[in-house]
Amino acid sequence: MPLLSRNAEGDWSEARRVLSEGPVAAACSGFHHAEYAHASGYCTFNGLMVTALVLCAEGRVRRVAILDFDQHYGDGTDEIEKMADCDLLLYQAGRLAHPDAPSDA
């Protein structure tokens, strides 16, 4: 499986290139607080979600899974996920609760 390790600017162009080889994984750091319209929580740009939205809009992918292993809730990723026009699975495995995190109750 190809592994992307690019910055936010190169994510979607690199993803387009390697998609022909099969599934793609992107080892990214941070950025999960940046929302669609503005930066938040020290995160300026949510490149992983922009890449997912671009690839979905172009019809290059039908399903995207994002595994977020940060220690807390990625509110920006959660907000942008609602805009996806494809099957997008967001799994947030952080161990610390965030006051704005959706409740499991």
N, C-alpha and C. Protein backbone atom coordinates (compact mmCIF):
# COMPACT_ATOMS: atom_id res chain seq x y z
N MET A 1 0.84 -1.17 0.00
CA MET A 1 0.00 0.00 0.00
C MET A 1 0.89 1.23 0.00
N PRO A 2 0.73 2.14 -0.97
CA PRO A 2 1.52 3.36 -0.97
C PRO A 2 1.23 4.20 0.27
N LEU A 3 2.25 4.85 0.77
CA LEU A 3 2.10 5.70 1.95
C LEU A 3 2.46 7.12 1.56
N LEU A 4 1.51 8.04 1.78
CA LEU A 4 1.77 9.44 1.50
C LEU A 4 2.38 10.10 2.72
N SER A 5 3.41 10.86 2.52
CA SER A 5 3.98 11.61 3.64
C SER A 5 4.32 13.01 3.15
N ARG A 6 3.33 13.67 2.59
CA ARG A 6 3.51 14.98 1.98
C ARG A 6 2.91 16.05 2.89
N ASN A 7 3.14 17.29 2.55
CA ASN A 7 2.49 18.37 3.28
C ASN A 7 1.09 18.59 2.72
N ALA A 8 0.34 19.48 3.33
CA ALA A 8 -1.05 19.70 2.94
C ALA A 8 -1.17 20.13 1.48
N GLU A 9 -0.23 20.90 0.98
CA GLU A 9 -0.30 21.37 -0.40
C GLU A 9 -0.20 20.23 -1.41
N GLY A 10 0.59 19.22 -1.10
CA GLY A 10 0.82 18.14 -2.05
C GLY A 10 -0.06 16.92 -1.87
N ASP A 11 -0.89 16.91 -0.84
CA ASP A 11 -1.68 15.72 -0.54
C ASP A 11 -2.51 15.24 -1.71
N TRP A 12 -3.35 16.11 -2.27
CA TRP A 12 -4.28 15.59 -3.27
C TRP A 12 -3.59 15.27 -4.58
N SER A 13 -2.56 16.02 -4.96
CA SER A 13 -1.87 15.67 -6.21
C SER A 13 -1.12 14.35 -6.06
N GLU A 14 -0.52 14.14 -4.90
CA GLU A 14 0.18 12.87 -4.66
C GLU A 14 -0.82 11.72 -4.56
N ALA A 15 -1.96 11.94 -3.92
CA ALA A 15 -2.99 10.91 -3.81
C ALA A 15 -3.49 10.51 -5.19
N ARG A 16 -3.70 11.47 -6.06
CA ARG A 16 -4.13 11.16 -7.43
C ARG A 16 -3.11 10.24 -8.11
N ARG A 17 -1.83 10.54 -7.93
CA ARG A 17 -0.78 9.77 -8.59
C ARG A 17 -0.75 8.32 -8.11
N VAL A 18 -0.86 8.09 -6.81
CA VAL A 18 -0.69 6.73 -6.30
C VAL A 18 -1.99 5.92 -6.28
N LEU A 19 -3.13 6.56 -6.47
CA LEU A 19 -4.40 5.81 -6.44
C LEU A 19 -4.43 4.69 -7.48
N SER A 20 -3.73 4.86 -8.57
CA SER A 20 -3.71 3.82 -9.59
C SER A 20 -3.05 2.54 -9.09
N GLU A 21 -2.31 2.61 -8.00
CA GLU A 21 -1.63 1.45 -7.44
C GLU A 21 -2.48 0.70 -6.42
N GLY A 22 -3.66 1.22 -6.07
CA GLY A 22 -4.52 0.57 -5.09
C GLY A 22 -4.80 1.49 -3.92
N PRO A 23 -5.13 0.92 -2.76
CA PRO A 23 -5.43 1.72 -1.58
C PRO A 23 -4.25 2.62 -1.19
N VAL A 24 -4.55 3.73 -0.56
CA VAL A 24 -3.54 4.71 -0.19
C VAL A 24 -3.67 5.02 1.29
N ALA A 25 -2.54 5.19 1.96
CA ALA A 25 -2.54 5.62 3.36
C ALA A 25 -1.75 6.91 3.47
N ALA A 26 -2.21 7.82 4.32
CA ALA A 26 -1.52 9.09 4.53
C ALA A 26 -1.21 9.24 6.02
N ALA A 27 0.07 9.22 6.33
CA ALA A 27 0.48 9.44 7.72
C ALA A 27 0.61 10.94 7.93
N CYS A 28 -0.39 11.54 8.53
CA CYS A 28 -0.43 12.99 8.69
C CYS A 28 -0.33 13.37 10.14
N SER A 29 0.11 14.56 10.37
CA SER A 29 0.14 15.07 11.73
C SER A 29 -0.84 16.22 11.87
N GLY A 30 -1.50 16.24 12.99
CA GLY A 30 -2.35 17.37 13.35
C GLY A 30 -3.37 17.81 12.32
N PHE A 31 -3.71 19.05 12.34
CA PHE A 31 -4.62 19.74 11.44
C PHE A 31 -6.08 19.40 11.65
N HIS A 32 -6.42 18.55 12.59
CA HIS A 32 -7.80 18.09 12.70
C HIS A 32 -8.73 19.09 13.39
N HIS A 33 -8.21 20.24 13.80
CA HIS A 33 -9.08 21.28 14.36
C HIS A 33 -9.48 22.31 13.31
N ALA A 34 -8.73 22.42 12.22
CA ALA A 34 -9.05 23.40 11.17
C ALA A 34 -10.38 23.03 10.54
N GLU A 35 -11.27 24.02 10.48
CA GLU A 35 -12.60 23.80 9.91
C GLU A 35 -12.62 24.26 8.46
N TYR A 36 -13.76 24.13 7.81
CA TYR A 36 -13.88 24.49 6.40
C TYR A 36 -13.59 25.97 6.17
N ALA A 37 -14.13 26.84 7.01
CA ALA A 37 -14.05 28.28 6.77
C ALA A 37 -12.94 29.00 7.54
N HIS A 38 -12.31 28.34 8.53
CA HIS A 38 -11.29 29.05 9.30
C HIS A 38 -10.38 28.08 10.06
N ALA A 39 -9.23 28.63 10.44
CA ALA A 39 -8.28 27.88 11.26
C ALA A 39 -8.80 27.81 12.68
N SER A 40 -8.34 26.80 13.41
CA SER A 40 -8.78 26.64 14.79
C SER A 40 -7.78 25.77 15.54
N GLY A 41 -7.65 26.00 16.84
CA GLY A 41 -6.82 25.15 17.69
C GLY A 41 -5.41 24.95 17.18
N TYR A 42 -4.75 25.99 16.72
CA TYR A 42 -3.39 25.96 16.18
C TYR A 42 -3.29 25.22 14.84
N CYS A 43 -4.40 24.81 14.27
CA CYS A 43 -4.39 24.11 12.98
C CYS A 43 -4.84 25.10 11.90
N THR A 44 -4.01 25.27 10.88
CA THR A 44 -4.29 26.26 9.85
C THR A 44 -5.06 25.70 8.67
N PHE A 45 -4.87 24.42 8.36
CA PHE A 45 -5.42 23.85 7.13
C PHE A 45 -5.60 22.35 7.30
N ASN A 46 -6.79 21.86 7.07
CA ASN A 46 -7.09 20.44 7.24
C ASN A 46 -6.87 19.73 5.90
N GLY A 47 -5.61 19.55 5.53
CA GLY A 47 -5.26 19.01 4.22
C GLY A 47 -5.79 17.62 3.95
N LEU A 48 -5.89 16.79 4.98
CA LEU A 48 -6.40 15.43 4.78
C LEU A 48 -7.86 15.46 4.35
N MET A 49 -8.66 16.31 5.00
CA MET A 49 -10.08 16.40 4.63
C MET A 49 -10.27 17.07 3.28
N VAL A 50 -9.46 18.08 2.98
CA VAL A 50 -9.54 18.71 1.66
C VAL A 50 -9.22 17.68 0.59
N THR A 51 -8.19 16.87 0.83
CA THR A 51 -7.83 15.82 -0.13
C THR A 51 -8.99 14.84 -0.32
N ALA A 52 -9.60 14.42 0.78
CA ALA A 52 -10.74 13.49 0.69
C ALA A 52 -11.88 14.11 -0.12
N LEU A 53 -12.21 15.38 0.14
CA LEU A 53 -13.30 16.04 -0.58
C LEU A 53 -13.00 16.20 -2.06
N VAL A 54 -11.76 16.56 -2.38
CA VAL A 54 -11.37 16.73 -3.79
C VAL A 54 -11.46 15.39 -4.52
N LEU A 55 -10.90 14.34 -3.94
CA LEU A 55 -10.92 13.03 -4.60
C LEU A 55 -12.34 12.49 -4.75
N CYS A 56 -13.20 12.76 -3.77
CA CYS A 56 -14.61 12.35 -3.88
C CYS A 56 -15.30 13.14 -4.99
N ALA A 57 -15.10 14.44 -5.01
CA ALA A 57 -15.75 15.30 -6.02
C ALA A 57 -15.30 14.93 -7.43
N GLU A 58 -14.06 14.53 -7.58
CA GLU A 58 -13.54 14.14 -8.89
C GLU A 58 -13.96 12.72 -9.29
N GLY A 59 -14.59 11.99 -8.36
CA GLY A 59 -14.99 10.63 -8.66
C GLY A 59 -13.85 9.63 -8.63
N ARG A 60 -12.72 10.02 -8.09
CA ARG A 60 -11.55 9.12 -8.03
C ARG A 60 -11.68 8.09 -6.91
N VAL A 61 -12.47 8.42 -5.88
CA VAL A 61 -12.72 7.49 -4.78
C VAL A 61 -14.20 7.51 -4.45
N ARG A 62 -14.70 6.38 -3.94
CA ARG A 62 -16.08 6.31 -3.47
C ARG A 62 -16.14 6.18 -1.97
N ARG A 63 -15.07 5.67 -1.39
CA ARG A 63 -15.01 5.47 0.07
C ARG A 63 -13.69 5.99 0.61
N VAL A 64 -13.77 6.67 1.75
CA VAL A 64 -12.59 7.19 2.42
C VAL A 64 -12.73 6.86 3.90
N ALA A 65 -11.67 6.38 4.50
CA ALA A 65 -11.65 6.15 5.96
C ALA A 65 -10.55 7.01 6.55
N ILE A 66 -10.89 7.71 7.62
CA ILE A 66 -9.91 8.52 8.33
C ILE A 66 -9.84 8.02 9.76
N LEU A 67 -8.65 7.60 10.17
CA LEU A 67 -8.41 7.13 11.53
C LEU A 67 -7.63 8.21 12.26
N ASP A 68 -8.24 8.83 13.22
CA ASP A 68 -7.63 9.92 13.96
C ASP A 68 -7.22 9.41 15.34
N PHE A 69 -5.92 9.26 15.55
CA PHE A 69 -5.40 8.72 16.81
C PHE A 69 -4.86 9.80 17.73
N ASP A 70 -5.23 11.04 17.49
CA ASP A 70 -4.82 12.11 18.38
C ASP A 70 -5.45 11.89 19.76
N GLN A 71 -4.98 12.59 20.74
CA GLN A 71 -5.45 12.40 22.10
C GLN A 71 -6.82 13.01 22.38
N HIS A 72 -7.38 13.73 21.44
CA HIS A 72 -8.66 14.39 21.69
C HIS A 72 -9.44 14.56 20.38
N TYR A 73 -10.63 15.06 20.52
CA TYR A 73 -11.61 15.20 19.45
C TYR A 73 -11.15 16.14 18.33
N GLY A 74 -11.21 15.69 17.09
CA GLY A 74 -10.89 16.51 15.92
C GLY A 74 -12.14 17.20 15.40
N ASP A 75 -12.52 18.29 16.02
CA ASP A 75 -13.77 18.96 15.69
C ASP A 75 -13.80 19.50 14.26
N GLY A 76 -12.67 19.95 13.72
CA GLY A 76 -12.64 20.44 12.35
C GLY A 76 -12.89 19.33 11.35
N THR A 77 -12.26 18.20 11.54
CA THR A 77 -12.47 17.05 10.66
C THR A 77 -13.93 16.61 10.72
N ASP A 78 -14.49 16.59 11.90
CA ASP A 78 -15.89 16.20 12.08
C ASP A 78 -16.81 17.16 11.33
N GLU A 79 -16.54 18.47 11.40
CA GLU A 79 -17.36 19.47 10.73
C GLU A 79 -17.28 19.32 9.21
N ILE A 80 -16.07 19.12 8.69
CA ILE A 80 -15.88 19.02 7.24
C ILE A 80 -16.44 17.70 6.71
N GLU A 81 -16.42 16.66 7.51
CA GLU A 81 -16.92 15.34 7.09
C GLU A 81 -18.35 15.43 6.57
N LYS A 82 -19.15 16.28 7.16
CA LYS A 82 -20.56 16.41 6.77
C LYS A 82 -20.73 16.93 5.35
N MET A 83 -19.67 17.44 4.74
CA MET A 83 -19.72 17.99 3.38
C MET A 83 -19.37 16.94 2.32
N ALA A 84 -18.89 15.79 2.72
CA ALA A 84 -18.40 14.79 1.77
C ALA A 84 -19.55 14.20 0.96
N ASP A 85 -19.29 14.05 -0.34
CA ASP A 85 -20.28 13.47 -1.24
C ASP A 85 -19.85 12.05 -1.62
N CYS A 86 -19.41 11.30 -0.62
CA CYS A 86 -19.05 9.90 -0.81
C CYS A 86 -19.11 9.26 0.57
N ASP A 87 -18.90 7.97 0.64
CA ASP A 87 -18.88 7.28 1.93
C ASP A 87 -17.59 7.65 2.65
N LEU A 88 -17.72 8.35 3.77
CA LEU A 88 -16.56 8.77 4.52
C LEU A 88 -16.71 8.30 5.95
N LEU A 89 -15.80 7.46 6.38
CA LEU A 89 -15.80 6.94 7.74
C LEU A 89 -14.75 7.69 8.54
N LEU A 90 -15.16 8.29 9.64
CA LEU A 90 -14.24 9.00 10.52
C LEU A 90 -14.23 8.26 11.85
N TYR A 91 -13.06 7.75 12.23
CA TYR A 91 -12.91 7.06 13.51
C TYR A 91 -11.94 7.87 14.36
N GLN A 92 -12.41 8.39 15.48
CA GLN A 92 -11.59 9.19 16.37
C GLN A 92 -11.29 8.37 17.62
N ALA A 93 -10.04 7.98 17.76
CA ALA A 93 -9.66 7.07 18.84
C ALA A 93 -8.98 7.76 20.00
N GLY A 94 -9.07 9.08 20.09
CA GLY A 94 -8.43 9.81 21.19
C GLY A 94 -8.97 9.35 22.53
N ARG A 95 -8.14 9.42 23.55
CA ARG A 95 -8.58 8.92 24.84
C ARG A 95 -9.12 10.00 25.75
N LEU A 96 -8.88 11.28 25.44
CA LEU A 96 -9.36 12.36 26.29
C LEU A 96 -10.63 12.98 25.71
N ALA A 97 -11.64 13.10 26.52
CA ALA A 97 -12.90 13.68 26.05
C ALA A 97 -12.73 15.19 25.83
N HIS A 98 -13.42 15.70 24.84
CA HIS A 98 -13.44 17.13 24.53
C HIS A 98 -14.85 17.62 24.86
N PRO A 99 -14.97 18.81 25.42
CA PRO A 99 -16.31 19.29 25.80
C PRO A 99 -17.30 19.36 24.63
N ASP A 100 -16.80 19.53 23.40
CA ASP A 100 -17.69 19.62 22.24
C ASP A 100 -17.85 18.31 21.49
N ALA A 101 -17.20 17.26 21.96
CA ALA A 101 -17.27 15.97 21.28
C ALA A 101 -18.69 15.41 21.37
N PRO A 102 -19.15 14.79 20.29
CA PRO A 102 -20.48 14.16 20.34
C PRO A 102 -20.52 13.10 21.43
N SER A 103 -21.64 12.98 22.09
CA SER A 103 -21.80 12.00 23.16
C SER A 103 -22.14 10.63 22.59
N ASP A 104 -21.64 9.59 23.23
CA ASP A 104 -21.97 8.22 22.82
C ASP A 104 -23.29 7.77 23.41
N ALA A 105 -23.87 8.57 24.27
CA ALA A 105 -25.12 8.19 24.97
C ALA A 105 -26.30 8.21 24.02
